[in-house]
């Protein structure tokens, strides 16, 4: 899927990338060199991520603006290293207001959900 990645406060610093939509990935993975070229820096200490094979990897995390099909959001992004898949993860999809249509193989808009009632678990 074609995605525009940009610096969150300097939208002119942007790049167009092809990312795999992966609802199993929590946070989007963008190559570290792309983020660095846009002036995006890590904001937090390294975080641990579990891969599909069960391996645990450590990566830096920052914040970027992501845009796809007229929808835009600011979201956490992982500084991907060589060999990491470039993916659009679940947090970005939710904050973009998009869901996956697996039959048509496309993203479709969805209303954001709001808390209507607070349930107490006992």
PDB file of N, CA and C in Angstrom:
ATOM      1  N   UNK A   1       0.852  -1.165   0.000  1.00  0.00           N
ATOM      2  CA  UNK A   1       0.000   0.000   0.000  1.00  0.00           C
ATOM      3  C   UNK A   1       0.900   1.231   0.000  1.00  0.00           C
ATOM      4  N   UNK A   2       0.574   2.205  -0.843  1.00  0.00           N
ATOM      5  CA  UNK A   2       1.345   3.446  -0.911  1.00  0.00           C
ATOM      6  C   UNK A   2       0.987   4.342   0.271  1.00  0.00           C
ATOM      7  N   UNK A   3       2.000   4.730   1.027  1.00  0.00           N
ATOM      8  CA  UNK A   3       1.829   5.543   2.233  1.00  0.00           C
ATOM      9  C   UNK A   3       2.762   6.742   2.138  1.00  0.00           C
ATOM     10  N   UNK A   4       2.296   7.909   2.592  1.00  0.00           N
ATOM     11  CA  UNK A   4       3.181   9.054   2.732  1.00  0.00           C
ATOM     12  C   UNK A   4       3.570   9.168   4.196  1.00  0.00           C
ATOM     13  N   UNK A   5       4.871   9.177   4.447  1.00  0.00           N
ATOM     14  CA  UNK A   5       5.416   9.335   5.799  1.00  0.00           C
ATOM     15  C   UNK A   5       6.008  10.729   5.866  1.00  0.00           C
ATOM     16  N   UNK A   6       5.698  11.483   6.924  1.00  0.00           N
ATOM     17  CA  UNK A   6       6.201  12.851   7.042  1.00  0.00           C
ATOM     18  C   UNK A   6       6.605  13.160   8.475  1.00  0.00           C
ATOM     19  N   UNK A   7       7.451  14.185   8.596  1.00  0.00           N
ATOM     20  CA  UNK A   7       7.808  14.704   9.918  1.00  0.00           C
ATOM     21  C   UNK A   7       6.528  15.274  10.522  1.00  0.00           C
ATOM     22  N   UNK A   8       6.236  14.998  11.796  1.00  0.00           N
ATOM     23  CA  UNK A   8       4.947  15.415  12.364  1.00  0.00           C
ATOM     24  C   UNK A   8       4.748  16.929  12.458  1.00  0.00           C
ATOM     25  N   UNK A   9       5.831  17.708  12.550  1.00  0.00           N
ATOM     26  CA  UNK A   9       5.677  19.166  12.640  1.00  0.00           C
ATOM     27  C   UNK A   9       6.207  19.887  11.411  1.00  0.00           C
ATOM     28  N   UNK A  10       6.772  19.136  10.474  1.00  0.00           N
ATOM     29  CA  UNK A  10       7.281  19.715   9.227  1.00  0.00           C
ATOM     30  C   UNK A  10       6.776  18.864   8.059  1.00  0.00           C
ATOM     31  N   UNK A  11       5.497  19.012   7.691  1.00  0.00           N
ATOM     32  CA  UNK A  11       4.895  18.128   6.697  1.00  0.00           C
ATOM     33  C   UNK A  11       5.557  18.175   5.320  1.00  0.00           C
ATOM     34  N   UNK A  12       6.344  19.213   5.057  1.00  0.00           N
ATOM     35  CA  UNK A  12       7.070  19.274   3.791  1.00  0.00           C
ATOM     36  C   UNK A  12       8.164  18.227   3.698  1.00  0.00           C
ATOM     37  N   UNK A  13       8.624  17.738   4.851  1.00  0.00           N
ATOM     38  CA  UNK A  13       9.622  16.660   4.887  1.00  0.00           C
ATOM     39  C   UNK A  13       8.865  15.344   4.820  1.00  0.00           C
ATOM     40  N   UNK A  14       8.696  14.817   3.608  1.00  0.00           N
ATOM     41  CA  UNK A  14       7.894  13.601   3.457  1.00  0.00           C
ATOM     42  C   UNK A  14       8.524  12.659   2.439  1.00  0.00           C
ATOM     43  N   UNK A  15       8.094  11.411   2.495  1.00  0.00           N
ATOM     44  CA  UNK A  15       8.542  10.381   1.556  1.00  0.00           C
ATOM     45  C   UNK A  15       7.374   9.453   1.276  1.00  0.00           C
ATOM     46  N   UNK A  16       7.328   8.935   0.076  1.00  0.00           N
ATOM     47  CA  UNK A  16       6.284   7.976  -0.314  1.00  0.00           C
ATOM     48  C   UNK A  16       6.895   6.582  -0.254  1.00  0.00           C
ATOM     49  N   UNK A  17       6.222   5.667   0.438  1.00  0.00           N
ATOM     50  CA  UNK A  17       6.723   4.304   0.617  1.00  0.00           C
ATOM     51  C   UNK A  17       5.630   3.290   0.329  1.00  0.00           C
ATOM     52  N   UNK A  18       6.044   2.085   0.034  1.00  0.00           N
ATOM     53  CA  UNK A  18       5.124   0.951  -0.051  1.00  0.00           C
ATOM     54  C   UNK A  18       5.250   0.179   1.255  1.00  0.00           C
ATOM     55  N   UNK A  19       4.155   0.096   2.012  1.00  0.00           N
ATOM     56  CA  UNK A  19       4.138  -0.655   3.265  1.00  0.00           C
ATOM     57  C   UNK A  19       3.133  -1.791   3.144  1.00  0.00           C
ATOM     58  N   UNK A  20       3.453  -2.901   3.753  1.00  0.00           N
ATOM     59  CA  UNK A  20       2.542  -4.032   3.833  1.00  0.00           C
ATOM     60  C   UNK A  20       1.563  -3.762   4.971  1.00  0.00           C
ATOM     61  N   UNK A  21       0.277  -3.903   4.723  1.00  0.00           N
ATOM     62  CA  UNK A  21      -0.717  -3.739   5.785  1.00  0.00           C
ATOM     63  C   UNK A  21      -0.689  -5.006   6.628  1.00  0.00           C
ATOM     64  N   UNK A  22      -0.433  -4.841   7.929  1.00  0.00           N
ATOM     65  CA  UNK A  22      -0.283  -5.990   8.826  1.00  0.00           C
ATOM     66  C   UNK A  22      -1.032  -5.727  10.122  1.00  0.00           C
ATOM     67  N   UNK A  23      -2.264  -6.242  10.214  1.00  0.00           N
ATOM     68  CA  UNK A  23      -3.063  -6.027  11.421  1.00  0.00           C
ATOM     69  C   UNK A  23      -2.504  -6.780  12.618  1.00  0.00           C
ATOM     70  N   UNK A  24      -1.570  -7.693  12.387  1.00  0.00           N
ATOM     71  CA  UNK A  24      -0.928  -8.415  13.482  1.00  0.00           C
ATOM     72  C   UNK A  24       0.234  -7.654  14.086  1.00  0.00           C
ATOM     73  N   UNK A  25       0.680  -6.599  13.424  1.00  0.00           N
ATOM     74  CA  UNK A  25       1.757  -5.751  13.954  1.00  0.00           C
ATOM     75  C   UNK A  25       1.120  -4.604  14.724  1.00  0.00           C
ATOM     76  N   UNK A  26       1.590  -4.370  15.928  1.00  0.00           N
ATOM     77  CA  UNK A  26       1.017  -3.293  16.734  1.00  0.00           C
ATOM     78  C   UNK A  26       1.367  -1.934  16.149  1.00  0.00           C
ATOM     79  N   UNK A  27       2.664  -1.669  15.991  1.00  0.00           N
ATOM     80  CA  UNK A  27       3.150  -0.364  15.538  1.00  0.00           C
ATOM     81  C   UNK A  27       3.755  -0.516  14.146  1.00  0.00           C
ATOM     82  N   UNK A  28       3.626   0.510  13.326  1.00  0.00           N
ATOM     83  CA  UNK A  28       4.165   0.491  11.965  1.00  0.00           C
ATOM     84  C   UNK A  28       5.687   0.492  11.979  1.00  0.00           C
ATOM     85  N   UNK A  29       6.286  -0.257  11.054  1.00  0.00           N
ATOM     86  CA  UNK A  29       7.739  -0.314  10.879  1.00  0.00           C
ATOM     87  C   UNK A  29       8.100   0.459   9.616  1.00  0.00           C
ATOM     88  N   UNK A  30       8.954   1.470   9.766  1.00  0.00           N
ATOM     89  CA  UNK A  30       9.442   2.279   8.651  1.00  0.00           C
ATOM     90  C   UNK A  30      10.963   2.230   8.710  1.00  0.00           C
ATOM     91  N   UNK A  31      11.643   2.086   7.570  1.00  0.00           N
ATOM     92  CA  UNK A  31      13.110   2.024   7.615  1.00  0.00           C
ATOM     93  C   UNK A  31      13.717   3.222   8.353  1.00  0.00           C
ATOM     94  N   UNK A  32      14.668   2.938   9.233  1.00  0.00           N
ATOM     95  CA  UNK A  32      15.304   3.976  10.048  1.00  0.00           C
ATOM     96  C   UNK A  32      15.934   5.061   9.189  1.00  0.00           C
ATOM     97  N   UNK A  33      16.532   4.691   8.045  1.00  0.00           N
ATOM     98  CA  UNK A  33      17.175   5.708   7.211  1.00  0.00           C
ATOM     99  C   UNK A  33      16.156   6.667   6.609  1.00  0.00           C
ATOM    100  N   UNK A  34      14.962   6.188   6.290  1.00  0.00           N
ATOM    101  CA  UNK A  34      13.901   7.064   5.778  1.00  0.00           C
ATOM    102  C   UNK A  34      13.491   8.051   6.863  1.00  0.00           C
ATOM    103  N   UNK A  35      13.269   7.553   8.076  1.00  0.00           N
ATOM    104  CA  UNK A  35      12.870   8.430   9.181  1.00  0.00           C
ATOM    105  C   UNK A  35      13.957   9.461   9.467  1.00  0.00           C
ATOM    106  N   UNK A  36      15.214   9.035   9.479  1.00  0.00           N
ATOM    107  CA  UNK A  36      16.327   9.959   9.740  1.00  0.00           C
ATOM    108  C   UNK A  36      16.401  11.038   8.661  1.00  0.00           C
ATOM    109  N   UNK A  37      16.210  10.658   7.396  1.00  0.00           N
ATOM    110  CA  UNK A  37      16.241  11.635   6.302  1.00  0.00           C
ATOM    111  C   UNK A  37      15.124  12.662   6.415  1.00  0.00           C
ATOM    112  N   UNK A  38      14.037  12.302   7.084  1.00  0.00           N
ATOM    113  CA  UNK A  38      12.919  13.224   7.293  1.00  0.00           C
ATOM    114  C   UNK A  38      13.102  14.065   8.556  1.00  0.00           C
ATOM    115  N   UNK A  39      14.185  13.825   9.285  1.00  0.00           N
ATOM    116  CA  UNK A  39      14.443  14.565  10.519  1.00  0.00           C
ATOM    117  C   UNK A  39      13.702  14.016  11.718  1.00  0.00           C
ATOM    118  N   UNK A  40      13.171  12.806  11.600  1.00  0.00           N
ATOM    119  CA  UNK A  40      12.444  12.173  12.705  1.00  0.00           C
ATOM    120  C   UNK A  40      13.446  11.418  13.563  1.00  0.00           C
ATOM    121  N   UNK A  41      13.394  11.664  14.859  1.00  0.00           N
ATOM    122  CA  UNK A  41      14.328  11.034  15.792  1.00  0.00           C
ATOM    123  C   UNK A  41      13.571  10.136  16.757  1.00  0.00           C
ATOM    124  N   UNK A  42      14.256   9.125  17.304  1.00  0.00           N
ATOM    125  CA  UNK A  42      13.617   8.285  18.324  1.00  0.00           C
ATOM    126  C   UNK A  42      13.207   9.135  19.524  1.00  0.00           C
ATOM    127  N   UNK A  43      12.055   8.821  20.101  1.00  0.00           N
ATOM    128  CA  UNK A  43      11.564   9.567  21.266  1.00  0.00           C
ATOM    129  C   UNK A  43      11.628   8.758  22.544  1.00  0.00           C
ATOM    130  N   UNK A  44      11.690   7.456  22.431  1.00  0.00           N
ATOM    131  CA  UNK A  44      11.681   6.603  23.608  1.00  0.00           C
ATOM    132  C   UNK A  44      12.846   5.634  23.558  1.00  0.00           C
ATOM    133  N   UNK A  45      13.137   5.044  24.688  1.00  0.00           N
ATOM    134  CA  UNK A  45      14.157   3.991  24.739  1.00  0.00           C
ATOM    135  C   UNK A  45      13.703   2.832  23.862  1.00  0.00           C
ATOM    136  N   UNK A  46      14.620   1.954  23.552  1.00  0.00           N
ATOM    137  CA  UNK A  46      14.258   0.797  22.733  1.00  0.00           C
ATOM    138  C   UNK A  46      13.114   0.023  23.375  1.00  0.00           C
ATOM    139  N   UNK A  47      12.243  -0.475  22.524  1.00  0.00           N
ATOM    140  CA  UNK A  47      11.121  -1.301  22.969  1.00  0.00           C
ATOM    141  C   UNK A  47      11.310  -2.706  22.424  1.00  0.00           C
ATOM    142  N   UNK A  48      10.702  -3.670  23.097  1.00  0.00           N
ATOM    143  CA  UNK A  48      10.764  -5.055  22.626  1.00  0.00           C
ATOM    144  C   UNK A  48       9.543  -5.372  21.774  1.00  0.00           C
ATOM    145  N   UNK A  49       9.788  -6.123  20.702  1.00  0.00           N
ATOM    146  CA  UNK A  49       8.734  -6.564  19.797  1.00  0.00           C
ATOM    147  C   UNK A  49       8.904  -8.050  19.559  1.00  0.00           C
ATOM    148  N   UNK A  50       7.788  -8.757  19.518  1.00  0.00           N
ATOM    149  CA  UNK A  50       7.828 -10.184  19.201  1.00  0.00           C
ATOM    150  C   UNK A  50       7.474 -10.361  17.731  1.00  0.00           C
ATOM    151  N   UNK A  51       8.326 -11.062  16.996  1.00  0.00           N
ATOM    152  CA  UNK A  51       8.086 -11.288  15.573  1.00  0.00           C
ATOM    153  C   UNK A  51       7.114 -12.451  15.380  1.00  0.00           C
ATOM    154  N   UNK A  52       6.661 -12.627  14.152  1.00  0.00           N
ATOM    155  CA  UNK A  52       5.736 -13.722  13.837  1.00  0.00           C
ATOM    156  C   UNK A  52       6.347 -15.080  14.155  1.00  0.00           C
ATOM    157  N   UNK A  53       7.678 -15.177  14.094  1.00  0.00           N
ATOM    158  CA  UNK A  53       8.350 -16.451  14.389  1.00  0.00           C
ATOM    159  C   UNK A  53       8.576 -16.654  15.886  1.00  0.00           C
ATOM    160  N   UNK A  54       8.220 -15.638  16.697  1.00  0.00           N
ATOM    161  CA  UNK A  54       8.393 -15.743  18.140  1.00  0.00           C
ATOM    162  C   UNK A  54       9.683 -15.138  18.656  1.00  0.00           C
ATOM    163  N   UNK A  55      10.554 -14.679  17.758  1.00  0.00           N
ATOM    164  CA  UNK A  55      11.801 -14.031  18.185  1.00  0.00           C
ATOM    165  C   UNK A  55      11.485 -12.671  18.799  1.00  0.00           C
ATOM    166  N   UNK A  56      12.284 -12.254  19.762  1.00  0.00           N
ATOM    167  CA  UNK A  56      12.124 -10.942  20.387  1.00  0.00           C
ATOM    168  C   UNK A  56      13.231 -10.033  19.862  1.00  0.00           C
ATOM    169  N   UNK A  57      12.825  -8.868  19.333  1.00  0.00           N
ATOM    170  CA  UNK A  57      13.786  -7.892  18.826  1.00  0.00           C
ATOM    171  C   UNK A  57      13.598  -6.577  19.571  1.00  0.00           C
ATOM    172  N   UNK A  58      14.632  -5.756  19.597  1.00  0.00           N
ATOM    173  CA  UNK A  58      14.566  -4.441  20.236  1.00  0.00           C
ATOM    174  C   UNK A  58      14.742  -3.380  19.161  1.00  0.00           C
ATOM    175  N   UNK A  59      13.855  -2.396  19.164  1.00  0.00           N
ATOM    176  CA  UNK A  59      13.913  -1.324  18.177  1.00  0.00           C
ATOM    177  C   UNK A  59      13.583   0.014  18.837  1.00  0.00           C
ATOM    178  N   UNK A  60      14.093   1.083  18.223  1.00  0.00           N
ATOM    179  CA  UNK A  60      13.774   2.440  18.676  1.00  0.00           C
ATOM    180  C   UNK A  60      12.409   2.845  18.112  1.00  0.00           C
ATOM    181  N   UNK A  61      11.744   3.766  18.806  1.00  0.00           N
ATOM    182  CA  UNK A  61      10.401   4.202  18.410  1.00  0.00           C
ATOM    183  C   UNK A  61      10.341   5.723  18.424  1.00  0.00           C
ATOM    184  N   UNK A  62       9.711   6.286  17.406  1.00  0.00           N
ATOM    185  CA  UNK A  62       9.496   7.730  17.322  1.00  0.00           C
ATOM    186  C   UNK A  62       8.067   8.003  16.893  1.00  0.00           C
ATOM    187  N   UNK A  63       7.831   9.218  16.415  1.00  0.00           N
ATOM    188  CA  UNK A  63       6.491   9.628  16.000  1.00  0.00           C
ATOM    189  C   UNK A  63       6.577  10.215  14.592  1.00  0.00           C
ATOM    190  N   UNK A  64       5.633   9.837  13.740  1.00  0.00           N
ATOM    191  CA  UNK A  64       5.585  10.357  12.369  1.00  0.00           C
ATOM    192  C   UNK A  64       4.141  10.605  11.962  1.00  0.00           C
ATOM    193  N   UNK A  65       3.988  11.408  10.940  1.00  0.00           N
ATOM    194  CA  UNK A  65       2.687  11.590  10.306  1.00  0.00           C
ATOM    195  C   UNK A  65       2.588  10.571   9.179  1.00  0.00           C
ATOM    196  N   UNK A  66       1.480   9.851   9.119  1.00  0.00           N
ATOM    197  CA  UNK A  66       1.245   8.886   8.046  1.00  0.00           C
ATOM    198  C   UNK A  66      -0.035   9.281   7.319  1.00  0.00           C
ATOM    199  N   UNK A  67      -0.012   9.188   5.991  1.00  0.00           N
ATOM    200  CA  UNK A  67      -1.199   9.505   5.197  1.00  0.00           C
ATOM    201  C   UNK A  67      -1.418   8.417   4.156  1.00  0.00           C
ATOM    202  N   UNK A  68      -2.677   8.035   4.000  1.00  0.00           N
ATOM    203  CA  UNK A  68      -3.062   7.045   2.990  1.00  0.00           C
ATOM    204  C   UNK A  68      -4.485   7.352   2.521  1.00  0.00           C
ATOM    205  N   UNK A  69      -4.671   7.392   1.231  1.00  0.00           N
ATOM    206  CA  UNK A  69      -6.006   7.588   0.638  1.00  0.00           C
ATOM    207  C   UNK A  69      -6.778   8.753   1.257  1.00  0.00           C
ATOM    208  N   UNK A  70      -6.122   9.878   1.500  1.00  0.00           N
ATOM    209  CA  UNK A  70      -6.794  11.053   2.041  1.00  0.00           C
ATOM    210  C   UNK A  70      -6.996  11.050   3.541  1.00  0.00           C
ATOM    211  N   UNK A  71      -6.525  10.032   4.222  1.00  0.00           N
ATOM    212  CA  UNK A  71      -6.616   9.953   5.682  1.00  0.00           C
ATOM    213  C   UNK A  71      -5.221  10.187   6.250  1.00  0.00           C
ATOM    214  N   UNK A  72      -5.148  10.980   7.321  1.00  0.00           N
ATOM    215  CA  UNK A  72      -3.840  11.309   7.894  1.00  0.00           C
ATOM    216  C   UNK A  72      -3.892  11.222   9.414  1.00  0.00           C
ATOM    217  N   UNK A  73      -2.777  10.805  10.012  1.00  0.00           N
ATOM    218  CA  UNK A  73      -2.683  10.719  11.466  1.00  0.00           C
ATOM    219  C   UNK A  73      -1.238  10.887  11.896  1.00  0.00           C
ATOM    220  N   UNK A  74      -1.055  11.178  13.158  1.00  0.00           N
ATOM    221  CA  UNK A  74       0.275  11.156  13.770  1.00  0.00           C
ATOM    222  C   UNK A  74       0.293   9.942  14.684  1.00  0.00           C
ATOM    223  N   UNK A  75       1.309   9.110  14.534  1.00  0.00           N
ATOM    224  CA  UNK A  75       1.320   7.810  15.205  1.00  0.00           C
ATOM    225  C   UNK A  75       2.739   7.374  15.538  1.00  0.00           C
ATOM    226  N   UNK A  76       2.894   6.494  16.519  1.00  0.00           N
ATOM    227  CA  UNK A  76       4.229   5.928  16.772  1.00  0.00           C
ATOM    228  C   UNK A  76       4.695   5.117  15.563  1.00  0.00           C
ATOM    229  N   UNK A  77       6.000   5.148  15.315  1.00  0.00           N
ATOM    230  CA  UNK A  77       6.608   4.332  14.261  1.00  0.00           C
ATOM    231  C   UNK A  77       7.892   3.712  14.798  1.00  0.00           C
ATOM    232  N   UNK A  78       8.151   2.501  14.363  1.00  0.00           N
ATOM    233  CA  UNK A  78       9.373   1.792  14.732  1.00  0.00           C
ATOM    234  C   UNK A  78      10.447   2.115  13.700  1.00  0.00           C
ATOM    235  N   UNK A  79      11.656   2.367  14.181  1.00  0.00           N
ATOM    236  CA  UNK A  79      12.804   2.588  13.305  1.00  0.00           C
ATOM    237  C   UNK A  79      13.284   1.224  12.818  1.00  0.00           C
ATOM    238  N   UNK A  80      12.776   0.817  11.662  1.00  0.00           N
ATOM    239  CA  UNK A  80      13.093  -0.497  11.122  1.00  0.00           C
ATOM    240  C   UNK A  80      14.546  -0.612  10.706  1.00  0.00           C
ATOM    241  N   UNK A  81      15.100  -1.784  10.913  1.00  0.00           N
ATOM    242  CA  UNK A  81      16.483  -2.072  10.547  1.00  0.00           C
ATOM    243  C   UNK A  81      16.496  -2.941   9.295  1.00  0.00           C
ATOM    244  N   UNK A  82      17.663  -3.043   8.620  1.00  0.00           N
ATOM    245  CA  UNK A  82      17.733  -3.903   7.436  1.00  0.00           C
ATOM    246  C   UNK A  82      17.213  -5.309   7.757  1.00  0.00           C
ATOM    247  N   UNK A  83      16.376  -5.823   6.885  1.00  0.00           N
ATOM    248  CA  UNK A  83      15.774  -7.135   7.092  1.00  0.00           C
ATOM    249  C   UNK A  83      14.394  -7.076   7.720  1.00  0.00           C
ATOM    250  N   UNK A  84      14.039  -5.951   8.358  1.00  0.00           N
ATOM    251  CA  UNK A  84      12.695  -5.797   8.930  1.00  0.00           C
ATOM    252  C   UNK A  84      11.699  -5.528   7.805  1.00  0.00           C
ATOM    253  N   UNK A  85      10.510  -6.100   7.925  1.00  0.00           N
ATOM    254  CA  UNK A  85       9.442  -5.806   6.970  1.00  0.00           C
ATOM    255  C   UNK A  85       8.967  -4.372   7.179  1.00  0.00           C
ATOM    256  N   UNK A  86       8.587  -3.709   6.097  1.00  0.00           N
ATOM    257  CA  UNK A  86       8.005  -2.366   6.167  1.00  0.00           C
ATOM    258  C   UNK A  86       6.496  -2.557   6.267  1.00  0.00           C
ATOM    259  N   UNK A  87       5.919  -2.214   7.434  1.00  0.00           N
ATOM    260  CA  UNK A  87       4.504  -2.516   7.647  1.00  0.00           C
ATOM    261  C   UNK A  87       3.726  -1.335   8.210  1.00  0.00           C
ATOM    262  N   UNK A  88       2.456  -1.294   7.841  1.00  0.00           N
ATOM    263  CA  UNK A  88       1.485  -0.382   8.421  1.00  0.00           C
ATOM    264  C   UNK A  88       0.732  -1.195   9.459  1.00  0.00           C
ATOM    265  N   UNK A  89       0.917  -0.863  10.742  1.00  0.00           N
ATOM    266  CA  UNK A  89       0.370  -1.660  11.830  1.00  0.00           C
ATOM    267  C   UNK A  89      -1.007  -1.222  12.311  1.00  0.00           C
ATOM    268  N   UNK A  90      -1.505  -1.954  13.298  1.00  0.00           N
ATOM    269  CA  UNK A  90      -2.868  -1.777  13.803  1.00  0.00           C
ATOM    270  C   UNK A  90      -3.108  -0.416  14.446  1.00  0.00           C
ATOM    271  N   UNK A  91      -2.136   0.111  15.200  1.00  0.00           N
ATOM    272  CA  UNK A  91      -2.327   1.413  15.856  1.00  0.00           C
ATOM    273  C   UNK A  91      -2.550   2.496  14.805  1.00  0.00           C
ATOM    274  N   UNK A  92      -1.733   2.495  13.754  1.00  0.00           N
ATOM    275  CA  UNK A  92      -1.895   3.490  12.686  1.00  0.00           C
ATOM    276  C   UNK A  92      -3.227   3.307  11.969  1.00  0.00           C
ATOM    277  N   UNK A  93      -3.588   2.066  11.662  1.00  0.00           N
ATOM    278  CA  UNK A  93      -4.863   1.821  10.983  1.00  0.00           C
ATOM    279  C   UNK A  93      -6.030   2.357  11.798  1.00  0.00           C
ATOM    280  N   UNK A  94      -6.016   2.090  13.098  1.00  0.00           N
ATOM    281  CA  UNK A  94      -7.111   2.566  13.945  1.00  0.00           C
ATOM    282  C   UNK A  94      -7.143   4.084  14.006  1.00  0.00           C
ATOM    283  N   UNK A  95      -5.972   4.712  14.139  1.00  0.00           N
ATOM    284  CA  UNK A  95      -5.968   6.169  14.240  1.00  0.00           C
ATOM    285  C   UNK A  95      -6.229   6.839  12.889  1.00  0.00           C
ATOM    286  N   UNK A  96      -6.032   6.120  11.789  1.00  0.00           N
ATOM    287  CA  UNK A  96      -6.414   6.621  10.468  1.00  0.00           C
ATOM    288  C   UNK A  96      -7.911   6.456  10.217  1.00  0.00           C
ATOM    289  N   UNK A  97      -8.581   5.650  11.032  1.00  0.00           N
ATOM    290  CA  UNK A  97     -10.001   5.379  10.829  1.00  0.00           C
ATOM    291  C   UNK A  97     -10.243   4.440   9.665  1.00  0.00           C
ATOM    292  N   UNK A  98      -9.316   3.474   9.485  1.00  0.00           N
ATOM    293  CA  UNK A  98      -9.414   2.531   8.375  1.00  0.00           C
ATOM    294  C   UNK A  98      -9.434   1.098   8.886  1.00  0.00           C
ATOM    295  N   UNK A  99     -10.158   0.244   8.169  1.00  0.00           N
ATOM    296  CA  UNK A  99     -10.149  -1.183   8.460  1.00  0.00           C
ATOM    297  C   UNK A  99      -9.812  -1.933   7.173  1.00  0.00           C
ATOM    298  N   UNK A 100      -9.398  -3.168   7.327  1.00  0.00           N
ATOM    299  CA  UNK A 100      -8.996  -3.984   6.185  1.00  0.00           C
ATOM    300  C   UNK A 100     -10.195  -4.750   5.637  1.00  0.00           C
ATOM    301  N   UNK A 101     -10.376  -4.667   4.324  1.00  0.00           N
ATOM    302  CA  UNK A 101     -11.339  -5.514   3.621  1.00  0.00           C
ATOM    303  C   UNK A 101     -10.508  -6.612   2.962  1.00  0.00           C
ATOM    304  N   UNK A 102     -10.445  -7.808   3.590  1.00  0.00           N
ATOM    305  CA  UNK A 102      -9.560  -8.851   3.065  1.00  0.00           C
ATOM    306  C   UNK A 102     -10.028  -9.445   1.735  1.00  0.00           C
ATOM    307  N   UNK A 103     -11.316  -9.347   1.440  1.00  0.00           N
ATOM    308  CA  UNK A 103     -11.831  -9.885   0.182  1.00  0.00           C
ATOM    309  C   UNK A 103     -11.407  -8.993  -0.986  1.00  0.00           C
ATOM    310  N   UNK A 104     -11.650  -7.683  -0.842  1.00  0.00           N
ATOM    311  CA  UNK A 104     -11.294  -6.738  -1.907  1.00  0.00           C
ATOM    312  C   UNK A 104      -9.826  -6.317  -1.827  1.00  0.00           C
ATOM    313  N   UNK A 105      -9.153  -6.712  -0.752  1.00  0.00           N
ATOM    314  CA  UNK A 105      -7.739  -6.372  -0.540  1.00  0.00           C
ATOM    315  C   UNK A 105      -7.521  -4.863  -0.601  1.00  0.00           C
ATOM    316  N   UNK A 106      -8.308  -4.159   0.243  1.00  0.00           N
ATOM    317  CA  UNK A 106      -8.181  -2.706   0.299  1.00  0.00           C
ATOM    318  C   UNK A 106      -8.533  -2.226   1.699  1.00  0.00           C
ATOM    319  N   UNK A 107      -8.243  -0.959   1.957  1.00  0.00           N
ATOM    320  CA  UNK A 107      -8.613  -0.331   3.221  1.00  0.00           C
ATOM    321  C   UNK A 107      -9.891   0.456   3.005  1.00  0.00           C
ATOM    322  N   UNK A 108     -10.782   0.388   3.991  1.00  0.00           N
ATOM    323  CA  UNK A 108     -12.029   1.137   3.888  1.00  0.00           C
ATOM    324  C   UNK A 108     -12.214   1.968   5.153  1.00  0.00           C
ATOM    325  N   UNK A 109     -12.827   3.154   5.009  1.00  0.00           N
ATOM    326  CA  UNK A 109     -13.048   4.018   6.173  1.00  0.00           C
ATOM    327  C   UNK A 109     -14.043   3.397   7.145  1.00  0.00           C
ATOM    328  N   UNK A 110     -13.831   3.704   8.402  1.00  0.00           N
ATOM    329  CA  UNK A 110     -14.747   3.266   9.449  1.00  0.00           C
ATOM    330  C   UNK A 110     -14.885   4.397  10.452  1.00  0.00           C
ATOM    331  N   UNK A 111     -16.090   4.556  10.974  1.00  0.00           N
ATOM    332  CA  UNK A 111     -16.286   5.562  12.024  1.00  0.00           C
ATOM    333  C   UNK A 111     -15.427   5.209  13.225  1.00  0.00           C
ATOM    334  N   UNK A 112     -14.950   6.235  13.896  1.00  0.00           N
ATOM    335  CA  UNK A 112     -14.229   6.010  15.144  1.00  0.00           C
ATOM    336  C   UNK A 112     -15.236   5.599  16.214  1.00  0.00           C
ATOM    337  N   UNK A 113     -14.799   4.799  17.153  1.00  0.00           N
ATOM    338  CA  UNK A 113     -15.672   4.329  18.224  1.00  0.00           C
ATOM    339  C   UNK A 113     -15.472   5.184  19.462  1.00  0.00           C
ATOM    340  N   UNK A 114     -16.565   5.498  20.132  1.00  0.00           N
ATOM    341  CA  UNK A 114     -16.518   6.295  21.353  1.00  0.00           C
ATOM    342  C   UNK A 114     -17.102   5.476  22.496  1.00  0.00           C
ATOM    343  N   UNK A 115     -16.591   5.687  23.671  1.00  0.00           N
ATOM    344  CA  UNK A 115     -17.088   4.996  24.856  1.00  0.00           C
ATOM    345  C   UNK A 115     -18.462   5.548  25.202  1.00  0.00           C
ATOM    346  N   UNK A 116     -19.444   4.668  25.245  1.00  0.00           N
ATOM    347  CA  UNK A 116     -20.800   5.100  25.582  1.00  0.00           C
ATOM    348  C   UNK A 116     -21.162   4.733  27.003  1.00  0.00           C
ATOM    349  N   UNK A 117     -20.676   3.628  27.469  1.00  0.00           N
ATOM    350  CA  UNK A 117     -20.963   3.189  28.829  1.00  0.00           C
ATOM    351  C   UNK A 117     -19.693   2.642  29.425  1.00  0.00           C
ATOM    352  N   UNK A 118     -19.579   2.786  30.695  1.00  0.00           N
ATOM    353  CA  UNK A 118     -18.420   2.234  31.383  1.00  0.00           C
ATOM    354  C   UNK A 118     -18.878   1.000  32.139  1.00  0.00           C
ATOM    355  N   UNK A 119     -18.317  -0.135  31.807  1.00  0.00           N
ATOM    356  CA  UNK A 119     -18.688  -1.380  32.475  1.00  0.00           C
ATOM    357  C   UNK A 119     -17.622  -1.729  33.502  1.00  0.00           C
ATOM    358  N   UNK A 120     -18.054  -2.130  34.655  1.00  0.00           N
ATOM    359  CA  UNK A 120     -17.122  -2.544  35.693  1.00  0.00           C
ATOM    360  C   UNK A 120     -17.049  -4.064  35.698  1.00  0.00           C
ATOM    361  N   UNK A 121     -15.849  -4.579  35.573  1.00  0.00           N
ATOM    362  CA  UNK A 121     -15.661  -6.026  35.649  1.00  0.00           C
ATOM    363  C   UNK A 121     -15.488  -6.421  37.103  1.00  0.00           C
ATOM    364  N   UNK A 122     -16.154  -7.451  37.504  1.00  0.00           N
ATOM    365  CA  UNK A 122     -16.055  -7.897  38.900  1.00  0.00           C
ATOM    366  C   UNK A 122     -15.406  -9.233  38.967  1.00  0.00           C
TER     367      UNK A 122
END
